[in-house]
Amino acid sequence: MELIRADSRGAFTNDWLDSRHSFSFSDYYDAERMSFSSLRVINEDWVAAKGGFPMHGHRDMEIVTYVMEGALSHKDSLGNGSTIRPGDVQRMSAGRGILHSEFNHSETEAVHLLQIWLLPKFTGIQPGYAQEHFPLEQRRGKLQLLVSADGRDGSLRMNTDANLYASILVADEQVTYQRPENRAIYVHVARGSLQVNGTALQAGDALQIREETELLFGTADSAEFLVFDLP
């Protein structure tokens, strides 16, 4: 298991955005952190009140937005408009091209989110959008499947060979995951403190795992974390 500490991430700040980059992104470049399997981007963003990303374009990327605090308003060139709140998960398939904007309309509260990019299985597809609410209490003490290649168990379907799980644990709760053969696992701690097979992680820390067979997740306090099952 390779441990990546939160304070080793890239950083970008302007008057409305404070962002941390787990992988090379924009002006942050690290040849050792270009991607992990098909996982290309995890940006932890704090978007200030009345701030946001203006309309801009993407192509051939699967983009997942995971909001932890606040409300983020979405618009895109497909005609979709929505608000993403904690418990909501948004998936965009950029395909052969999509434009979108994300904005925080609050007068006082920041939005705290994770923006995730995964490399697609097929390029040049028709762009698409989906959003689903997954009640936070449903991931208490277990790994809930949010996004997958086949849309099983009520998850959002995406155009990549990956499964994204989320879990919320409180003191002394544990959950396990069996790594399938020939798969890679990436763990990102969204909030709190987590132990994975005895390794201690804090918010923003991550683990890249290729050989451990069984993963035991636990916390002495509380933790919210994501698990990516990747090719």
C-alpha atoms as a PDB file:
ATOM      1  CA  MET A   1       0.000   0.000   0.000  1.00  0.00           C
ATOM      2  CA  GLU A   2       1.296   3.439  -0.938  1.00  0.00           C
ATOM      3  CA  LEU A   3       0.250   6.231   1.428  1.00  0.00           C
ATOM      4  CA  ILE A   4      -0.226   9.726  -0.023  1.00  0.00           C
ATOM      5  CA  ARG A   5      -0.558  12.509   2.530  1.00  0.00           C
ATOM      6  CA  ALA A   6      -2.965  15.399   2.070  1.00  0.00           C
ATOM      7  CA  ASP A   7      -0.261  18.036   2.447  1.00  0.00           C
ATOM      8  CA  SER A   8       1.671  16.615  -0.510  1.00  0.00           C
ATOM      9  CA  ARG A   9      -1.117  17.483  -2.967  1.00  0.00           C
ATOM     10  CA  GLY A  10      -0.967  20.322  -5.464  1.00  0.00           C
ATOM     11  CA  ALA A  11      -2.779  23.547  -4.596  1.00  0.00           C
ATOM     12  CA  PHE A  12      -4.556  26.390  -6.360  1.00  0.00           C
ATOM     13  CA  THR A  13      -6.218  29.421  -4.775  1.00  0.00           C
ATOM     14  CA  ASN A  14      -7.945  32.513  -6.143  1.00  0.00           C
ATOM     15  CA  ASP A  15     -10.600  34.881  -4.802  1.00  0.00           C
ATOM     16  CA  TRP A  16     -13.398  32.275  -4.935  1.00  0.00           C
ATOM     17  CA  LEU A  17     -11.694  28.843  -5.128  1.00  0.00           C
ATOM     18  CA  ASP A  18      -9.398  26.898  -2.811  1.00  0.00           C
ATOM     19  CA  SER A  19      -8.443  23.591  -4.453  1.00  0.00           C
ATOM     20  CA  ARG A  20      -6.199  20.610  -3.680  1.00  0.00           C
ATOM     21  CA  HIS A  21      -5.115  18.274  -6.489  1.00  0.00           C
ATOM     22  CA  SER A  22      -4.372  14.601  -5.817  1.00  0.00           C
ATOM     23  CA  PHE A  23      -3.057  14.189  -9.387  1.00  0.00           C
ATOM     24  CA  SER A  24      -1.429  16.500 -11.915  1.00  0.00           C
ATOM     25  CA  PHE A  25      -3.974  19.111 -12.942  1.00  0.00           C
ATOM     26  CA  SER A  26      -3.817  22.513 -14.641  1.00  0.00           C
ATOM     27  CA  ASP A  27      -0.607  24.263 -13.477  1.00  0.00           C
ATOM     28  CA  TYR A  28       0.237  21.496 -10.974  1.00  0.00           C
ATOM     29  CA  TYR A  29       2.453  18.856 -12.564  1.00  0.00           C
ATOM     30  CA  ASP A  30       4.100  15.851 -10.954  1.00  0.00           C
ATOM     31  CA  ALA A  31       5.326  13.114 -13.272  1.00  0.00           C
ATOM     32  CA  GLU A  32       4.809  10.575 -10.466  1.00  0.00           C
ATOM     33  CA  ARG A  33       1.167  11.598 -10.032  1.00  0.00           C
ATOM     34  CA  MET A  34      -0.444  11.594 -13.434  1.00  0.00           C
ATOM     35  CA  SER A  35      -3.111   9.005 -12.626  1.00  0.00           C
ATOM     36  CA  PHE A  36      -3.766   5.731 -10.843  1.00  0.00           C
ATOM     37  CA  SER A  37      -5.170   3.123 -13.207  1.00  0.00           C
ATOM     38  CA  SER A  38      -8.204   4.835 -14.823  1.00  0.00           C
ATOM     39  CA  LEU A  39      -8.510   7.418 -12.024  1.00  0.00           C
ATOM     40  CA  ARG A  40      -7.206  10.671 -13.482  1.00  0.00           C
ATOM     41  CA  VAL A  41      -8.345  13.514 -11.161  1.00  0.00           C
ATOM     42  CA  ILE A  42      -9.496  14.032  -7.581  1.00  0.00           C
ATOM     43  CA  ASN A  43      -9.761  17.728  -6.793  1.00  0.00           C
ATOM     44  CA  GLU A  44     -10.972  18.765  -3.356  1.00  0.00           C
ATOM     45  CA  ASP A  45     -12.592  22.173  -3.869  1.00  0.00           C
ATOM     46  CA  TRP A  46     -13.949  24.850  -1.572  1.00  0.00           C
ATOM     47  CA  VAL A  47     -16.053  27.254  -3.672  1.00  0.00           C
ATOM     48  CA  ALA A  48     -16.729  30.541  -1.895  1.00  0.00           C
ATOM     49  CA  ALA A  49     -20.183  32.135  -1.662  1.00  0.00           C
ATOM     50  CA  LYS A  50     -21.252  33.659  -5.010  1.00  0.00           C
ATOM     51  CA  GLY A  51     -18.319  31.972  -6.757  1.00  0.00           C
ATOM     52  CA  GLY A  52     -18.141  29.220  -9.325  1.00  0.00           C
ATOM     53  CA  PHE A  53     -16.793  27.716 -12.527  1.00  0.00           C
ATOM     54  CA  PRO A  54     -18.040  29.544 -15.650  1.00  0.00           C
ATOM     55  CA  MET A  55     -19.179  27.614 -18.711  1.00  0.00           C
ATOM     56  CA  HIS A  56     -16.290  25.519 -20.039  1.00  0.00           C
ATOM     57  CA  GLY A  57     -15.815  22.349 -22.047  1.00  0.00           C
ATOM     58  CA  HIS A  58     -14.634  18.754 -21.652  1.00  0.00           C
ATOM     59  CA  ARG A  59     -14.438  15.739 -23.924  1.00  0.00           C
ATOM     60  CA  ASP A  60     -13.787  12.006 -23.486  1.00  0.00           C
ATOM     61  CA  MET A  61     -13.807  11.968 -19.698  1.00  0.00           C
ATOM     62  CA  GLU A  62     -16.156  10.557 -17.050  1.00  0.00           C
ATOM     63  CA  ILE A  63     -16.704  13.282 -14.420  1.00  0.00           C
ATOM     64  CA  VAL A  64     -18.224  12.619 -10.986  1.00  0.00           C
ATOM     65  CA  THR A  65     -19.134  15.371  -8.517  1.00  0.00           C
ATOM     66  CA  TYR A  66     -19.477  14.504  -4.822  1.00  0.00           C
ATOM     67  CA  VAL A  67     -20.706  17.375  -2.603  1.00  0.00           C
ATOM     68  CA  MET A  68     -19.986  17.297   1.134  1.00  0.00           C
ATOM     69  CA  GLU A  69     -21.240  20.734   2.213  1.00  0.00           C
ATOM     70  CA  GLY A  70     -23.362  23.430   0.617  1.00  0.00           C
ATOM     71  CA  ALA A  71     -25.296  23.472  -2.666  1.00  0.00           C
ATOM     72  CA  LEU A  72     -23.740  23.588  -6.140  1.00  0.00           C
ATOM     73  CA  SER A  73     -25.837  24.671  -9.143  1.00  0.00           C
ATOM     74  CA  HIS A  74     -25.170  22.890 -12.434  1.00  0.00           C
ATOM     75  CA  LYS A  75     -25.995  23.857 -16.041  1.00  0.00           C
ATOM     76  CA  ASP A  76     -24.794  22.224 -19.247  1.00  0.00           C
ATOM     77  CA  SER A  77     -25.052  22.334 -23.025  1.00  0.00           C
ATOM     78  CA  LEU A  78     -27.444  19.362 -23.002  1.00  0.00           C
ATOM     79  CA  GLY A  79     -30.062  21.554 -21.313  1.00  0.00           C
ATOM     80  CA  ASN A  80     -29.684  20.078 -17.830  1.00  0.00           C
ATOM     81  CA  GLY A  81     -29.997  22.268 -14.768  1.00  0.00           C
ATOM     82  CA  SER A  82     -29.835  20.985 -11.195  1.00  0.00           C
ATOM     83  CA  THR A  83     -28.572  21.625  -7.681  1.00  0.00           C
ATOM     84  CA  ILE A  84     -26.163  19.150  -6.077  1.00  0.00           C
ATOM     85  CA  ARG A  85     -26.289  18.818  -2.283  1.00  0.00           C
ATOM     86  CA  PRO A  86     -24.744  16.408   0.261  1.00  0.00           C
ATOM     87  CA  GLY A  87     -25.970  12.913  -0.564  1.00  0.00           C
ATOM     88  CA  ASP A  88     -26.281  13.752  -4.272  1.00  0.00           C
ATOM     89  CA  VAL A  89     -23.892  12.324  -6.847  1.00  0.00           C
ATOM     90  CA  GLN A  90     -23.595  13.716 -10.369  1.00  0.00           C
ATOM     91  CA  ARG A  91     -22.077  11.920 -13.358  1.00  0.00           C
ATOM     92  CA  MET A  92     -21.249  13.558 -16.681  1.00  0.00           C
ATOM     93  CA  SER A  93     -20.019  11.591 -19.662  1.00  0.00           C
ATOM     94  CA  ALA A  94     -18.215  14.267 -21.656  1.00  0.00           C
ATOM     95  CA  GLY A  95     -17.990  12.037 -24.729  1.00  0.00           C
ATOM     96  CA  ARG A  96     -17.411  13.973 -27.942  1.00  0.00           C
ATOM     97  CA  GLY A  97     -17.946  17.270 -26.127  1.00  0.00           C
ATOM     98  CA  ILE A  98     -19.966  18.969 -23.398  1.00  0.00           C
ATOM     99  CA  LEU A  99     -20.053  22.463 -21.899  1.00  0.00           C
ATOM    100  CA  HIS A 100     -21.025  23.032 -18.271  1.00  0.00           C
ATOM    101  CA  SER A 101     -20.900  25.503 -15.383  1.00  0.00           C
ATOM    102  CA  GLU A 102     -20.973  24.930 -11.617  1.00  0.00           C
ATOM    103  CA  PHE A 103     -21.894  27.827  -9.322  1.00  0.00           C
ATOM    104  CA  ASN A 104     -22.440  28.529  -5.631  1.00  0.00           C
ATOM    105  CA  HIS A 105     -25.428  30.885  -5.355  1.00  0.00           C
ATOM    106  CA  SER A 106     -25.301  31.139  -1.552  1.00  0.00           C
ATOM    107  CA  GLU A 107     -24.685  34.605  -0.145  1.00  0.00           C
ATOM    108  CA  THR A 108     -22.809  33.270   2.879  1.00  0.00           C
ATOM    109  CA  GLU A 109     -21.876  29.557   2.692  1.00  0.00           C
ATOM    110  CA  ALA A 110     -19.035  27.867   0.829  1.00  0.00           C
ATOM    111  CA  VAL A 111     -19.487  24.618  -1.117  1.00  0.00           C
ATOM    112  CA  HIS A 112     -17.093  21.758  -0.270  1.00  0.00           C
ATOM    113  CA  LEU A 113     -16.869  19.065  -2.936  1.00  0.00           C
ATOM    114  CA  LEU A 114     -14.772  16.436  -4.644  1.00  0.00           C
ATOM    115  CA  GLN A 115     -14.478  16.600  -8.425  1.00  0.00           C
ATOM    116  CA  ILE A 116     -13.425  13.224  -9.852  1.00  0.00           C
ATOM    117  CA  TRP A 117     -12.370  12.340 -13.399  1.00  0.00           C
ATOM    118  CA  LEU A 118     -11.994   8.815 -14.771  1.00  0.00           C
ATOM    119  CA  LEU A 119     -10.712   7.791 -18.180  1.00  0.00           C
ATOM    120  CA  PRO A 120     -13.521   6.431 -20.384  1.00  0.00           C
ATOM    121  CA  LYS A 121     -13.763   2.945 -21.807  1.00  0.00           C
ATOM    122  CA  PHE A 122     -15.086   4.253 -25.134  1.00  0.00           C
ATOM    123  CA  THR A 123     -14.253   7.637 -26.674  1.00  0.00           C
ATOM    124  CA  GLY A 124     -16.371   9.831 -28.936  1.00  0.00           C
ATOM    125  CA  ILE A 125     -19.689   8.722 -27.432  1.00  0.00           C
ATOM    126  CA  GLN A 126     -22.837  10.825 -27.123  1.00  0.00           C
ATOM    127  CA  PRO A 127     -22.360  13.043 -24.053  1.00  0.00           C
ATOM    128  CA  GLY A 128     -24.654  12.303 -21.111  1.00  0.00           C
ATOM    129  CA  TYR A 129     -25.660  13.410 -17.645  1.00  0.00           C
ATOM    130  CA  ALA A 130     -27.204  11.736 -14.611  1.00  0.00           C
ATOM    131  CA  GLN A 131     -27.730  12.646 -10.973  1.00  0.00           C
ATOM    132  CA  GLU A 132     -29.001  10.567  -8.063  1.00  0.00           C
ATOM    133  CA  HIS A 133     -29.606  11.128  -4.357  1.00  0.00           C
ATOM    134  CA  PHE A 134     -28.091   8.506  -2.055  1.00  0.00           C
ATOM    135  CA  PRO A 135     -29.269   9.211   1.534  1.00  0.00           C
ATOM    136  CA  LEU A 136     -26.241   9.559   3.781  1.00  0.00           C
ATOM    137  CA  GLU A 137     -27.712   7.191   6.378  1.00  0.00           C
ATOM    138  CA  GLN A 138     -27.673   4.374   3.783  1.00  0.00           C
ATOM    139  CA  ARG A 139     -23.856   4.357   3.739  1.00  0.00           C
ATOM    140  CA  ARG A 140     -23.499   4.260   7.534  1.00  0.00           C
ATOM    141  CA  GLY A 141     -21.428   1.256   8.495  1.00  0.00           C
ATOM    142  CA  LYS A 142     -21.201  -0.136   4.963  1.00  0.00           C
ATOM    143  CA  LEU A 143     -19.773   0.544   1.521  1.00  0.00           C
ATOM    144  CA  GLN A 144     -22.515   1.887  -0.743  1.00  0.00           C
ATOM    145  CA  LEU A 145     -22.027   1.607  -4.494  1.00  0.00           C
ATOM    146  CA  LEU A 146     -22.555   5.058  -6.051  1.00  0.00           C
ATOM    147  CA  VAL A 147     -21.250   4.738  -9.622  1.00  0.00           C
ATOM    148  CA  SER A 148     -20.397   1.637 -11.672  1.00  0.00           C
ATOM    149  CA  ALA A 149     -19.886   0.378 -15.206  1.00  0.00           C
ATOM    150  CA  ASP A 150     -23.185  -1.549 -15.215  1.00  0.00           C
ATOM    151  CA  GLY A 151     -25.459   0.579 -12.997  1.00  0.00           C
ATOM    152  CA  ARG A 152     -26.141  -2.283 -10.593  1.00  0.00           C
ATOM    153  CA  ASP A 153     -27.744  -1.870  -7.164  1.00  0.00           C
ATOM    154  CA  GLY A 154     -29.205   1.508  -8.069  1.00  0.00           C
ATOM    155  CA  SER A 155     -25.829   3.086  -8.842  1.00  0.00           C
ATOM    156  CA  LEU A 156     -25.222   5.590 -11.610  1.00  0.00           C
ATOM    157  CA  ARG A 157     -23.849   4.016 -14.773  1.00  0.00           C
ATOM    158  CA  MET A 158     -20.606   5.390 -16.231  1.00  0.00           C
ATOM    159  CA  ASN A 159     -18.519   4.712 -19.324  1.00  0.00           C
ATOM    160  CA  THR A 160     -15.487   3.217 -17.589  1.00  0.00           C
ATOM    161  CA  ASP A 161     -14.444  -0.048 -15.960  1.00  0.00           C
ATOM    162  CA  ALA A 162     -14.607   1.203 -12.370  1.00  0.00           C
ATOM    163  CA  ASN A 163     -16.751   1.057  -9.254  1.00  0.00           C
ATOM    164  CA  LEU A 164     -17.015   3.939  -6.780  1.00  0.00           C
ATOM    165  CA  TYR A 165     -18.150   3.232  -3.217  1.00  0.00           C
ATOM    166  CA  ALA A 166     -18.675   5.593  -0.263  1.00  0.00           C
ATOM    167  CA  SER A 167     -18.976   4.895   3.450  1.00  0.00           C
ATOM    168  CA  ILE A 168     -19.543   6.787   6.693  1.00  0.00           C
ATOM    169  CA  LEU A 169     -18.265   5.208   9.905  1.00  0.00           C
ATOM    170  CA  VAL A 170     -18.576   6.328  13.524  1.00  0.00           C
ATOM    171  CA  ALA A 171     -16.454   5.304  16.504  1.00  0.00           C
ATOM    172  CA  ASP A 172     -15.519   1.615  16.564  1.00  0.00           C
ATOM    173  CA  GLU A 173     -17.479   0.740  13.403  1.00  0.00           C
ATOM    174  CA  GLN A 174     -15.718  -1.393  10.800  1.00  0.00           C
ATOM    175  CA  VAL A 175     -16.343  -2.472   7.230  1.00  0.00           C
ATOM    176  CA  THR A 176     -14.343  -4.808   4.980  1.00  0.00           C
ATOM    177  CA  TYR A 177     -13.722  -5.048   1.237  1.00  0.00           C
ATOM    178  CA  GLN A 178     -12.267  -7.955  -0.711  1.00  0.00           C
ATOM    179  CA  ARG A 179     -10.051  -6.765  -3.548  1.00  0.00           C
ATOM    180  CA  PRO A 180     -10.956  -8.713  -6.683  1.00  0.00           C
ATOM    181  CA  GLU A 181      -8.070 -10.432  -8.427  1.00  0.00           C
ATOM    182  CA  ASN A 182      -6.126  -8.192 -10.822  1.00  0.00           C
ATOM    183  CA  ARG A 183      -7.880  -5.043  -9.593  1.00  0.00           C
ATOM    184  CA  ALA A 184      -6.399  -1.898  -8.030  1.00  0.00           C
ATOM    185  CA  ILE A 185      -7.961  -0.007  -5.107  1.00  0.00           C
ATOM    186  CA  TYR A 186      -7.728   3.707  -4.357  1.00  0.00           C
ATOM    187  CA  VAL A 187      -8.992   5.022  -1.007  1.00  0.00           C
ATOM    188  CA  HIS A 188      -9.605   8.737  -0.411  1.00  0.00           C
ATOM    189  CA  VAL A 189     -10.552  10.095   3.026  1.00  0.00           C
ATOM    190  CA  ALA A 190     -13.102  12.858   2.545  1.00  0.00           C
ATOM    191  CA  ARG A 191     -13.513  13.757   6.230  1.00  0.00           C
ATOM    192  CA  GLY A 192     -12.445  12.510   9.644  1.00  0.00           C
ATOM    193  CA  SER A 193      -9.824   9.875  10.428  1.00  0.00           C
ATOM    194  CA  LEU A 194      -9.609   6.329   9.085  1.00  0.00           C
ATOM    195  CA  GLN A 195      -7.536   3.213   9.599  1.00  0.00           C
ATOM    196  CA  VAL A 196      -6.991   0.789   6.716  1.00  0.00           C
ATOM    197  CA  ASN A 197      -5.281  -2.476   7.692  1.00  0.00           C
ATOM    198  CA  GLY A 198      -3.645  -0.623  10.558  1.00  0.00           C
ATOM    199  CA  THR A 199      -2.487   2.377   8.510  1.00  0.00           C
ATOM    200  CA  ALA A 200      -3.785   5.687   9.899  1.00  0.00           C
ATOM    201  CA  LEU A 201      -5.173   8.295   7.508  1.00  0.00           C
ATOM    202  CA  GLN A 202      -6.593  11.783   7.988  1.00  0.00           C
ATOM    203  CA  ALA A 203      -8.857  13.928   5.805  1.00  0.00           C
ATOM    204  CA  GLY A 204      -7.343  14.368   2.346  1.00  0.00           C
ATOM    205  CA  ASP A 205      -5.008  11.369   2.683  1.00  0.00           C
ATOM    206  CA  ALA A 206      -5.155   8.519   0.194  1.00  0.00           C
ATOM    207  CA  LEU A 207      -3.960   4.935  -0.287  1.00  0.00           C
ATOM    208  CA  GLN A 208      -3.016   3.258  -3.561  1.00  0.00           C
ATOM    209  CA  ILE A 209      -3.405  -0.513  -3.181  1.00  0.00           C
ATOM    210  CA  ARG A 210      -2.447  -3.267  -5.608  1.00  0.00           C
ATOM    211  CA  GLU A 211      -1.602  -6.322  -3.499  1.00  0.00           C
ATOM    212  CA  GLU A 212      -3.602  -6.406  -0.248  1.00  0.00           C
ATOM    213  CA  THR A 213      -6.377  -8.982  -0.572  1.00  0.00           C
ATOM    214  CA  GLU A 214      -8.693  -7.959   2.259  1.00  0.00           C
ATOM    215  CA  LEU A 215      -9.142  -4.369   3.401  1.00  0.00           C
ATOM    216  CA  LEU A 216     -10.398  -3.579   6.883  1.00  0.00           C
ATOM    217  CA  PHE A 217     -11.664  -0.025   7.388  1.00  0.00           C
ATOM    218  CA  GLY A 218     -12.235   1.367  10.878  1.00  0.00           C
ATOM    219  CA  THR A 219     -12.210   4.577  12.907  1.00  0.00           C
ATOM    220  CA  ALA A 220     -11.847   5.586  16.542  1.00  0.00           C
ATOM    221  CA  ASP A 221     -13.845   8.759  15.878  1.00  0.00           C
ATOM    222  CA  SER A 222     -15.656   9.243  12.563  1.00  0.00           C
ATOM    223  CA  ALA A 223     -14.804   8.963   8.893  1.00  0.00           C
ATOM    224  CA  GLU A 224     -16.310   9.596   5.462  1.00  0.00           C
ATOM    225  CA  PHE A 225     -14.338   8.000   2.647  1.00  0.00           C
ATOM    226  CA  LEU A 226     -14.435   6.834  -0.971  1.00  0.00           C
ATOM    227  CA  VAL A 227     -13.193   3.523  -2.374  1.00  0.00           C
ATOM    228  CA  PHE A 228     -12.411   3.140  -6.078  1.00  0.00           C
ATOM    229  CA  ASP A 229     -12.214  -0.382  -7.531  1.00  0.00           C
ATOM    230  CA  LEU A 230     -10.178   0.016 -10.730  1.00  0.00           C
ATOM    231  CA  PRO A 231      -8.738  -2.137 -13.531  1.00  0.00           C
END
